[in-house]
Amino acid sequence: MSVIEVEGLQKSFGRLQVLKDISFQVEQGDCVAIIGPSGSGKSTLLRCLIELETADGGSIRIHGQLLVERGIYAPAAKTRPIIARMGMVFQQFNLYPHLNVVDNLELAPKLVKGLRGAELRGRSLELLHKVGLAEKASSFPGQLSGGQQQRVAIARALMMEPEILLFDEPTSALDPELTGEVLSVMKELARERMTMVVVTHEMGFARDAANRVLFMHDGCILEEGSPERIFSNPQRERTRVFLQSVL
């Protein structure tokens, strides 16, 4: 079952066309890694999926529900519940510095879903345990390492019980020695068959955890396939050149 369907997606900033006729699908339980050089449109594509950027053309369907068609968006009353089925983890952690870890996790469920009490607290502590931070529930973001903050951000996204998780280069702001702890959480989510779309420069993650890889260049998807095929036998010269430069 296709949970994300993108067809002919286009996006420009002024005269700069960032996305050019992008089409792909994501199936339930997929972990799709989007790789490619900086400036190829990867993050913009991800942001269009969750309407942080608005597309100029093309269509996006989430679980068969129309978000945008030929560049025209459905009314907000219809798009809000569609977007609510997705969560996003950003390059920067975007935690509220004046709230402790557990309050960061619980803020959105309180405001959006009206949740309170023991059930909410149990959920937040369960997710902190899942990301290996149960002992940090009362800590503030400034007391955590970058890797710990990003794991809190992943737990916060999971608090809303999304059906799809989007990751925008979640380790790019981390020192190299801290990336492993974040990637291990993401790999576990992939093993659990969480539907994930991950923009990443971590080729090891793309090769080991993803079941499909999209290679983007200059606003286009030049190549897609299994990690084995993309990394072992790329069909496009531009893909080969990119992989030689990063591996």
C-alpha atoms as a PDB file:
ATOM      1  CA  MET A   1       0.000   0.000   0.000  1.00  0.00           C
ATOM      2  CA  SER A   2       1.417   3.394  -1.008  1.00  0.00           C
ATOM      3  CA  VAL A   3       1.317   5.745   1.957  1.00  0.00           C
ATOM      4  CA  ILE A   4       3.040   8.577   0.067  1.00  0.00           C
ATOM      5  CA  GLU A   5       2.442   9.230  -3.637  1.00  0.00           C
ATOM      6  CA  VAL A   6       4.240  12.129  -5.285  1.00  0.00           C
ATOM      7  CA  GLU A   7       3.731  12.928  -8.967  1.00  0.00           C
ATOM      8  CA  GLY A   8       5.268  15.726 -11.014  1.00  0.00           C
ATOM      9  CA  LEU A   9       6.193  17.822  -7.964  1.00  0.00           C
ATOM     10  CA  GLN A  10       7.690  21.241  -8.725  1.00  0.00           C
ATOM     11  CA  LYS A  11       8.971  24.007  -6.484  1.00  0.00           C
ATOM     12  CA  SER A  12      10.750  27.270  -7.256  1.00  0.00           C
ATOM     13  CA  PHE A  13      12.160  30.080  -5.157  1.00  0.00           C
ATOM     14  CA  GLY A  14      11.942  33.074  -7.439  1.00  0.00           C
ATOM     15  CA  ARG A  15      13.700  32.123 -10.666  1.00  0.00           C
ATOM     16  CA  LEU A  16      15.483  29.159  -9.075  1.00  0.00           C
ATOM     17  CA  GLN A  17      13.663  25.890  -9.756  1.00  0.00           C
ATOM     18  CA  VAL A  18      14.562  23.649  -6.831  1.00  0.00           C
ATOM     19  CA  LEU A  19      12.310  20.656  -7.614  1.00  0.00           C
ATOM     20  CA  LYS A  20      11.747  19.546 -11.204  1.00  0.00           C
ATOM     21  CA  ASP A  21       9.022  16.996 -11.929  1.00  0.00           C
ATOM     22  CA  ILE A  22       9.640  14.796  -8.865  1.00  0.00           C
ATOM     23  CA  SER A  23       7.705  11.500  -8.767  1.00  0.00           C
ATOM     24  CA  PHE A  24       8.041   8.577  -6.353  1.00  0.00           C
ATOM     25  CA  GLN A  25       6.058   6.408  -3.953  1.00  0.00           C
ATOM     26  CA  VAL A  26       6.625   5.174  -0.419  1.00  0.00           C
ATOM     27  CA  GLU A  27       5.037   1.936   0.737  1.00  0.00           C
ATOM     28  CA  GLN A  28       3.890   1.048   4.249  1.00  0.00           C
ATOM     29  CA  GLY A  29       6.932   0.038   6.321  1.00  0.00           C
ATOM     30  CA  ASP A  30       9.494   1.444   3.877  1.00  0.00           C
ATOM     31  CA  CYS A  31      12.638   3.184   5.039  1.00  0.00           C
ATOM     32  CA  VAL A  32      13.522   5.411   2.089  1.00  0.00           C
ATOM     33  CA  ALA A  33      16.867   7.207   2.145  1.00  0.00           C
ATOM     34  CA  ILE A  34      17.234  10.306  -0.022  1.00  0.00           C
ATOM     35  CA  ILE A  35      20.870  11.019  -0.858  1.00  0.00           C
ATOM     36  CA  GLY A  36      22.663  13.464  -3.111  1.00  0.00           C
ATOM     37  CA  PRO A  37      24.881  16.546  -3.079  1.00  0.00           C
ATOM     38  CA  SER A  38      23.993  19.647  -1.093  1.00  0.00           C
ATOM     39  CA  GLY A  39      21.636  21.935  -2.978  1.00  0.00           C
ATOM     40  CA  SER A  40      19.958  19.129  -4.916  1.00  0.00           C
ATOM     41  CA  GLY A  41      16.515  19.807  -3.392  1.00  0.00           C
ATOM     42  CA  LYS A  42      16.370  16.990  -0.830  1.00  0.00           C
ATOM     43  CA  SER A  43      15.285  19.050   2.169  1.00  0.00           C
ATOM     44  CA  THR A  44      12.847  21.110   0.107  1.00  0.00           C
ATOM     45  CA  LEU A  45      11.207  17.903  -1.089  1.00  0.00           C
ATOM     46  CA  LEU A  46      10.806  16.697   2.482  1.00  0.00           C
ATOM     47  CA  ARG A  47       9.375  20.031   3.620  1.00  0.00           C
ATOM     48  CA  CYS A  48       6.822  19.973   0.789  1.00  0.00           C
ATOM     49  CA  LEU A  49       5.527  16.616   2.028  1.00  0.00           C
ATOM     50  CA  ILE A  50       4.521  18.162   5.346  1.00  0.00           C
ATOM     51  CA  GLU A  51       3.562  21.589   3.912  1.00  0.00           C
ATOM     52  CA  LEU A  52       6.403  23.524   5.508  1.00  0.00           C
ATOM     53  CA  GLU A  53       6.983  24.578   1.901  1.00  0.00           C
ATOM     54  CA  THR A  54       4.194  24.814  -0.662  1.00  0.00           C
ATOM     55  CA  ALA A  55       4.687  23.164  -4.023  1.00  0.00           C
ATOM     56  CA  ASP A  56       4.093  25.093  -7.242  1.00  0.00           C
ATOM     57  CA  GLY A  57       2.941  22.104  -9.256  1.00  0.00           C
ATOM     58  CA  GLY A  58       2.308  18.385  -9.109  1.00  0.00           C
ATOM     59  CA  SER A  59       0.421  16.287  -6.593  1.00  0.00           C
ATOM     60  CA  ILE A  60       0.989  14.702  -3.184  1.00  0.00           C
ATOM     61  CA  ARG A  61      -1.235  12.037  -1.648  1.00  0.00           C
ATOM     62  CA  ILE A  62      -0.802  10.737   1.886  1.00  0.00           C
ATOM     63  CA  HIS A  63      -2.583   7.431   2.540  1.00  0.00           C
ATOM     64  CA  GLY A  64      -4.608   8.140  -0.596  1.00  0.00           C
ATOM     65  CA  GLN A  65      -5.779  11.524   0.666  1.00  0.00           C
ATOM     66  CA  LEU A  66      -5.036  14.492  -1.560  1.00  0.00           C
ATOM     67  CA  LEU A  67      -2.789  17.153  -0.040  1.00  0.00           C
ATOM     68  CA  VAL A  68      -2.036  19.063  -3.244  1.00  0.00           C
ATOM     69  CA  GLU A  69      -3.071  18.545  -6.863  1.00  0.00           C
ATOM     70  CA  ARG A  70      -1.551  20.431  -9.806  1.00  0.00           C
ATOM     71  CA  GLY A  71      -0.096  22.866  -7.272  1.00  0.00           C
ATOM     72  CA  ILE A  72      -3.480  23.613  -5.668  1.00  0.00           C
ATOM     73  CA  TYR A  73      -3.839  22.716  -1.994  1.00  0.00           C
ATOM     74  CA  ALA A  74      -6.908  21.323  -0.335  1.00  0.00           C
ATOM     75  CA  PRO A  75      -8.522  23.588   2.303  1.00  0.00           C
ATOM     76  CA  ALA A  76      -6.687  23.732   5.621  1.00  0.00           C
ATOM     77  CA  ALA A  77      -9.515  21.879   7.353  1.00  0.00           C
ATOM     78  CA  LYS A  78      -8.731  18.899   5.112  1.00  0.00           C
ATOM     79  CA  THR A  79      -4.931  19.176   5.029  1.00  0.00           C
ATOM     80  CA  ARG A  80      -4.429  19.482   8.801  1.00  0.00           C
ATOM     81  CA  PRO A  81      -5.515  15.911   9.620  1.00  0.00           C
ATOM     82  CA  ILE A  82      -3.451  14.610   6.679  1.00  0.00           C
ATOM     83  CA  ILE A  83      -0.316  16.380   7.887  1.00  0.00           C
ATOM     84  CA  ALA A  84      -1.013  15.245  11.462  1.00  0.00           C
ATOM     85  CA  ARG A  85      -0.342  11.667  10.328  1.00  0.00           C
ATOM     86  CA  MET A  86       3.320  12.618   9.840  1.00  0.00           C
ATOM     87  CA  GLY A  87       6.096  13.674  12.191  1.00  0.00           C
ATOM     88  CA  MET A  88       9.349  15.388  11.350  1.00  0.00           C
ATOM     89  CA  VAL A  89      12.806  15.491  12.911  1.00  0.00           C
ATOM     90  CA  PHE A  90      14.956  18.432  11.828  1.00  0.00           C
ATOM     91  CA  GLN A  91      18.678  19.131  11.532  1.00  0.00           C
ATOM     92  CA  GLN A  92      18.475  21.379  14.557  1.00  0.00           C
ATOM     93  CA  PHE A  93      16.771  19.894  17.578  1.00  0.00           C
ATOM     94  CA  ASN A  94      14.281  22.749  18.135  1.00  0.00           C
ATOM     95  CA  LEU A  95      13.673  21.819  21.766  1.00  0.00           C
ATOM     96  CA  TYR A  96      12.231  24.454  24.096  1.00  0.00           C
ATOM     97  CA  PRO A  97      15.178  25.429  26.320  1.00  0.00           C
ATOM     98  CA  HIS A  98      12.960  26.523  29.250  1.00  0.00           C
ATOM     99  CA  LEU A  99      11.167  23.150  29.414  1.00  0.00           C
ATOM    100  CA  ASN A 100      12.678  19.971  30.756  1.00  0.00           C
ATOM    101  CA  VAL A 101      12.826  16.862  28.608  1.00  0.00           C
ATOM    102  CA  VAL A 102       9.525  15.322  29.648  1.00  0.00           C
ATOM    103  CA  ASP A 103       7.701  18.647  29.273  1.00  0.00           C
ATOM    104  CA  ASN A 104       9.147  19.036  25.765  1.00  0.00           C
ATOM    105  CA  LEU A 105       7.687  15.634  24.903  1.00  0.00           C
ATOM    106  CA  GLU A 106       4.277  16.307  26.411  1.00  0.00           C
ATOM    107  CA  LEU A 107       3.638  19.837  25.155  1.00  0.00           C
ATOM    108  CA  ALA A 108       2.220  18.974  21.714  1.00  0.00           C
ATOM    109  CA  PRO A 109      -0.033  16.105  22.919  1.00  0.00           C
ATOM    110  CA  LYS A 110      -1.429  18.447  25.571  1.00  0.00           C
ATOM    111  CA  LEU A 111      -2.056  21.325  23.163  1.00  0.00           C
ATOM    112  CA  VAL A 112      -3.176  19.361  20.106  1.00  0.00           C
ATOM    113  CA  LYS A 113      -4.865  16.283  21.569  1.00  0.00           C
ATOM    114  CA  GLY A 114      -5.800  17.559  25.017  1.00  0.00           C
ATOM    115  CA  LEU A 115      -4.046  14.645  26.711  1.00  0.00           C
ATOM    116  CA  ARG A 116      -3.272  14.779  30.425  1.00  0.00           C
ATOM    117  CA  GLY A 117      -2.449  12.635  33.408  1.00  0.00           C
ATOM    118  CA  ALA A 118      -0.844   9.258  33.995  1.00  0.00           C
ATOM    119  CA  GLU A 119      -1.392   7.890  30.497  1.00  0.00           C
ATOM    120  CA  LEU A 120       0.478  10.819  28.935  1.00  0.00           C
ATOM    121  CA  ARG A 121       3.304  10.586  31.465  1.00  0.00           C
ATOM    122  CA  GLY A 122       3.568   6.848  30.937  1.00  0.00           C
ATOM    123  CA  ARG A 123       3.852   7.355  27.182  1.00  0.00           C
ATOM    124  CA  SER A 124       6.596   9.973  27.508  1.00  0.00           C
ATOM    125  CA  LEU A 125       8.645   7.854  29.924  1.00  0.00           C
ATOM    126  CA  GLU A 126       8.216   4.812  27.673  1.00  0.00           C
ATOM    127  CA  LEU A 127       9.582   6.726  24.694  1.00  0.00           C
ATOM    128  CA  LEU A 128      12.481   8.153  26.671  1.00  0.00           C
ATOM    129  CA  HIS A 129      13.368   4.610  27.636  1.00  0.00           C
ATOM    130  CA  LYS A 130      13.112   3.621  23.966  1.00  0.00           C
ATOM    131  CA  VAL A 131      15.681   6.236  22.941  1.00  0.00           C
ATOM    132  CA  GLY A 132      17.938   5.430  25.920  1.00  0.00           C
ATOM    133  CA  LEU A 133      17.252   8.589  27.930  1.00  0.00           C
ATOM    134  CA  ALA A 134      14.938   7.483  30.741  1.00  0.00           C
ATOM    135  CA  GLU A 135      17.278   9.015  33.321  1.00  0.00           C
ATOM    136  CA  LYS A 136      17.143  12.443  31.602  1.00  0.00           C
ATOM    137  CA  ALA A 137      13.402  13.108  32.010  1.00  0.00           C
ATOM    138  CA  SER A 138      13.965  16.061  34.358  1.00  0.00           C
ATOM    139  CA  SER A 139      17.002  17.480  32.563  1.00  0.00           C
ATOM    140  CA  PHE A 140      16.864  20.626  30.450  1.00  0.00           C
ATOM    141  CA  PRO A 141      18.087  20.701  26.823  1.00  0.00           C
ATOM    142  CA  GLY A 142      21.127  22.778  27.771  1.00  0.00           C
ATOM    143  CA  GLN A 143      22.285  19.962  30.039  1.00  0.00           C
ATOM    144  CA  LEU A 144      22.285  17.411  27.205  1.00  0.00           C
ATOM    145  CA  SER A 145      24.747  16.614  24.436  1.00  0.00           C
ATOM    146  CA  GLY A 146      23.717  17.198  20.843  1.00  0.00           C
ATOM    147  CA  GLY A 147      23.115  13.489  20.330  1.00  0.00           C
ATOM    148  CA  GLN A 148      20.937  13.325  23.426  1.00  0.00           C
ATOM    149  CA  GLN A 149      18.943  16.360  22.272  1.00  0.00           C
ATOM    150  CA  GLN A 150      18.326  14.774  18.882  1.00  0.00           C
ATOM    151  CA  ARG A 151      17.142  11.556  20.525  1.00  0.00           C
ATOM    152  CA  VAL A 152      14.736  13.653  22.614  1.00  0.00           C
ATOM    153  CA  ALA A 153      13.535  15.253  19.369  1.00  0.00           C
ATOM    154  CA  ILE A 154      12.861  11.790  17.911  1.00  0.00           C
ATOM    155  CA  ALA A 155      10.933  10.797  21.045  1.00  0.00           C
ATOM    156  CA  ARG A 156       8.970  14.048  20.823  1.00  0.00           C
ATOM    157  CA  ALA A 157       7.979  13.280  17.224  1.00  0.00           C
ATOM    158  CA  LEU A 158       6.861   9.789  18.273  1.00  0.00           C
ATOM    159  CA  MET A 159       4.668  11.229  21.055  1.00  0.00           C
ATOM    160  CA  MET A 160       2.099  12.246  18.444  1.00  0.00           C
ATOM    161  CA  GLU A 161       1.930   8.630  17.212  1.00  0.00           C
ATOM    162  CA  PRO A 162       2.699   9.465  13.563  1.00  0.00           C
ATOM    163  CA  GLU A 163       2.231   6.887  10.849  1.00  0.00           C
ATOM    164  CA  ILE A 164       5.138   8.371   8.855  1.00  0.00           C
ATOM    165  CA  LEU A 165       8.372   9.906  10.169  1.00  0.00           C
ATOM    166  CA  LEU A 166      10.392  12.357   8.077  1.00  0.00           C
ATOM    167  CA  PHE A 167      14.041  13.045   8.953  1.00  0.00           C
ATOM    168  CA  ASP A 168      15.891  16.036   7.518  1.00  0.00           C
ATOM    169  CA  GLU A 169      19.612  15.279   7.895  1.00  0.00           C
ATOM    170  CA  PRO A 170      19.169  14.484  11.604  1.00  0.00           C
ATOM    171  CA  THR A 171      22.896  14.024  12.278  1.00  0.00           C
ATOM    172  CA  SER A 172      24.311  16.928  10.277  1.00  0.00           C
ATOM    173  CA  ALA A 173      24.509  19.239  13.314  1.00  0.00           C
ATOM    174  CA  LEU A 174      26.277  16.617  15.456  1.00  0.00           C
ATOM    175  CA  ASP A 175      29.933  15.929  16.090  1.00  0.00           C
ATOM    176  CA  PRO A 176      30.915  12.647  14.393  1.00  0.00           C
ATOM    177  CA  GLU A 177      31.245  10.771  17.682  1.00  0.00           C
ATOM    178  CA  LEU A 178      27.617  11.575  18.563  1.00  0.00           C
ATOM    179  CA  THR A 179      25.996  10.450  15.316  1.00  0.00           C
ATOM    180  CA  GLY A 180      26.043   6.748  16.179  1.00  0.00           C
ATOM    181  CA  GLU A 181      23.661   7.062  19.103  1.00  0.00           C
ATOM    182  CA  VAL A 182      21.085   8.830  16.924  1.00  0.00           C
ATOM    183  CA  LEU A 183      21.504   6.444  13.990  1.00  0.00           C
ATOM    184  CA  SER A 184      21.050   3.431  16.287  1.00  0.00           C
ATOM    185  CA  VAL A 185      17.624   4.750  17.339  1.00  0.00           C
ATOM    186  CA  MET A 186      16.685   5.307  13.703  1.00  0.00           C
ATOM    187  CA  LYS A 187      17.877   1.822  12.726  1.00  0.00           C
ATOM    188  CA  GLU A 188      15.714   0.332  15.463  1.00  0.00           C
ATOM    189  CA  LEU A 189      12.691   2.236  14.132  1.00  0.00           C
ATOM    190  CA  ALA A 190      13.457   0.870  10.661  1.00  0.00           C
ATOM    191  CA  ARG A 191      13.626  -2.667  12.072  1.00  0.00           C
ATOM    192  CA  GLU A 192      10.225  -2.059  13.662  1.00  0.00           C
ATOM    193  CA  ARG A 193       8.891  -1.159  10.191  1.00  0.00           C
ATOM    194  CA  MET A 194       8.119   2.465  10.962  1.00  0.00           C
ATOM    195  CA  THR A 195       7.517   4.180   7.622  1.00  0.00           C
ATOM    196  CA  MET A 196      10.412   6.617   7.272  1.00  0.00           C
ATOM    197  CA  VAL A 197      11.749   9.042   4.669  1.00  0.00           C
ATOM    198  CA  VAL A 198      15.268  10.108   5.585  1.00  0.00           C
ATOM    199  CA  VAL A 199      17.332  12.821   3.928  1.00  0.00           C
ATOM    200  CA  THR A 200      20.864  11.902   4.925  1.00  0.00           C
ATOM    201  CA  HIS A 201      24.557  12.194   4.198  1.00  0.00           C
ATOM    202  CA  GLU A 202      25.187   9.049   6.259  1.00  0.00           C
ATOM    203  CA  MET A 203      25.827   6.508   3.530  1.00  0.00           C
ATOM    204  CA  GLY A 204      26.226   3.693   6.049  1.00  0.00           C
ATOM    205  CA  PHE A 205      22.691   4.268   7.283  1.00  0.00           C
ATOM    206  CA  ALA A 206      21.337   4.437   3.732  1.00  0.00           C
ATOM    207  CA  ARG A 207      23.102   1.192   2.838  1.00  0.00           C
ATOM    208  CA  ASP A 208      22.313  -0.763   6.016  1.00  0.00           C
ATOM    209  CA  ALA A 209      18.911   0.471   7.241  1.00  0.00           C
ATOM    210  CA  ALA A 210      17.020   1.674   4.159  1.00  0.00           C
ATOM    211  CA  ASN A 211      15.207  -0.672   1.815  1.00  0.00           C
ATOM    212  CA  ARG A 212      15.097   1.939  -0.980  1.00  0.00           C
ATOM    213  CA  VAL A 213      17.435   4.760  -1.947  1.00  0.00           C
ATOM    214  CA  LEU A 214      16.638   7.828  -4.049  1.00  0.00           C
ATOM    215  CA  PHE A 215      19.551   9.763  -5.531  1.00  0.00           C
ATOM    216  CA  MET A 216      18.776  13.419  -6.197  1.00  0.00           C
ATOM    217  CA  HIS A 217      20.762  15.900  -8.256  1.00  0.00           C
ATOM    218  CA  ASP A 218      19.818  19.372  -9.477  1.00  0.00           C
ATOM    219  CA  GLY A 219      16.187  19.081  -8.411  1.00  0.00           C
ATOM    220  CA  CYS A 220      15.584  15.682 -10.002  1.00  0.00           C
ATOM    221  CA  ILE A 221      15.538  12.073  -8.889  1.00  0.00           C
ATOM    222  CA  LEU A 222      18.214  10.662 -11.171  1.00  0.00           C
ATOM    223  CA  GLU A 223      18.149   7.120  -9.856  1.00  0.00           C
ATOM    224  CA  GLU A 224      16.320   4.939  -7.359  1.00  0.00           C
ATOM    225  CA  GLY A 225      16.518   1.342  -6.268  1.00  0.00           C
ATOM    226  CA  SER A 226      17.606  -0.999  -3.531  1.00  0.00           C
ATOM    227  CA  PRO A 227      20.691  -0.038  -1.508  1.00  0.00           C
ATOM    228  CA  GLU A 228      22.507  -3.024  -2.995  1.00  0.00           C
ATOM    229  CA  ARG A 229      21.953  -1.816  -6.552  1.00  0.00           C
ATOM    230  CA  ILE A 230      22.538   1.883  -5.923  1.00  0.00           C
ATOM    231  CA  PHE A 231      25.765   1.366  -3.987  1.00  0.00           C
ATOM    232  CA  SER A 232      27.135  -1.633  -5.898  1.00  0.00           C
ATOM    233  CA  ASN A 233      25.956  -0.972  -9.432  1.00  0.00           C
ATOM    234  CA  PRO A 234      24.702   2.589 -10.014  1.00  0.00           C
ATOM    235  CA  GLN A 235      23.366   3.122 -13.502  1.00  0.00           C
ATOM    236  CA  ARG A 236      23.992   6.861 -13.837  1.00  0.00           C
ATOM    237  CA  GLU A 237      27.418   8.425 -14.118  1.00  0.00           C
ATOM    238  CA  ARG A 238      26.425  11.276 -11.783  1.00  0.00           C
ATOM    239  CA  THR A 239      25.450   8.728  -9.113  1.00  0.00           C
ATOM    240  CA  ARG A 240      28.788   6.964  -9.494  1.00  0.00           C
ATOM    241  CA  VAL A 241      30.715  10.227  -9.181  1.00  0.00           C
ATOM    242  CA  PHE A 242      28.771  11.221  -6.061  1.00  0.00           C
ATOM    243  CA  LEU A 243      29.280   7.874  -4.355  1.00  0.00           C
ATOM    244  CA  GLN A 244      32.991   7.860  -5.170  1.00  0.00           C
ATOM    245  CA  SER A 245      33.289  11.250  -3.468  1.00  0.00           C
ATOM    246  CA  VAL A 246      31.545  10.236  -0.229  1.00  0.00           C
ATOM    247  CA  LEU A 247      32.520   6.587   0.250  1.00  0.00           C
END
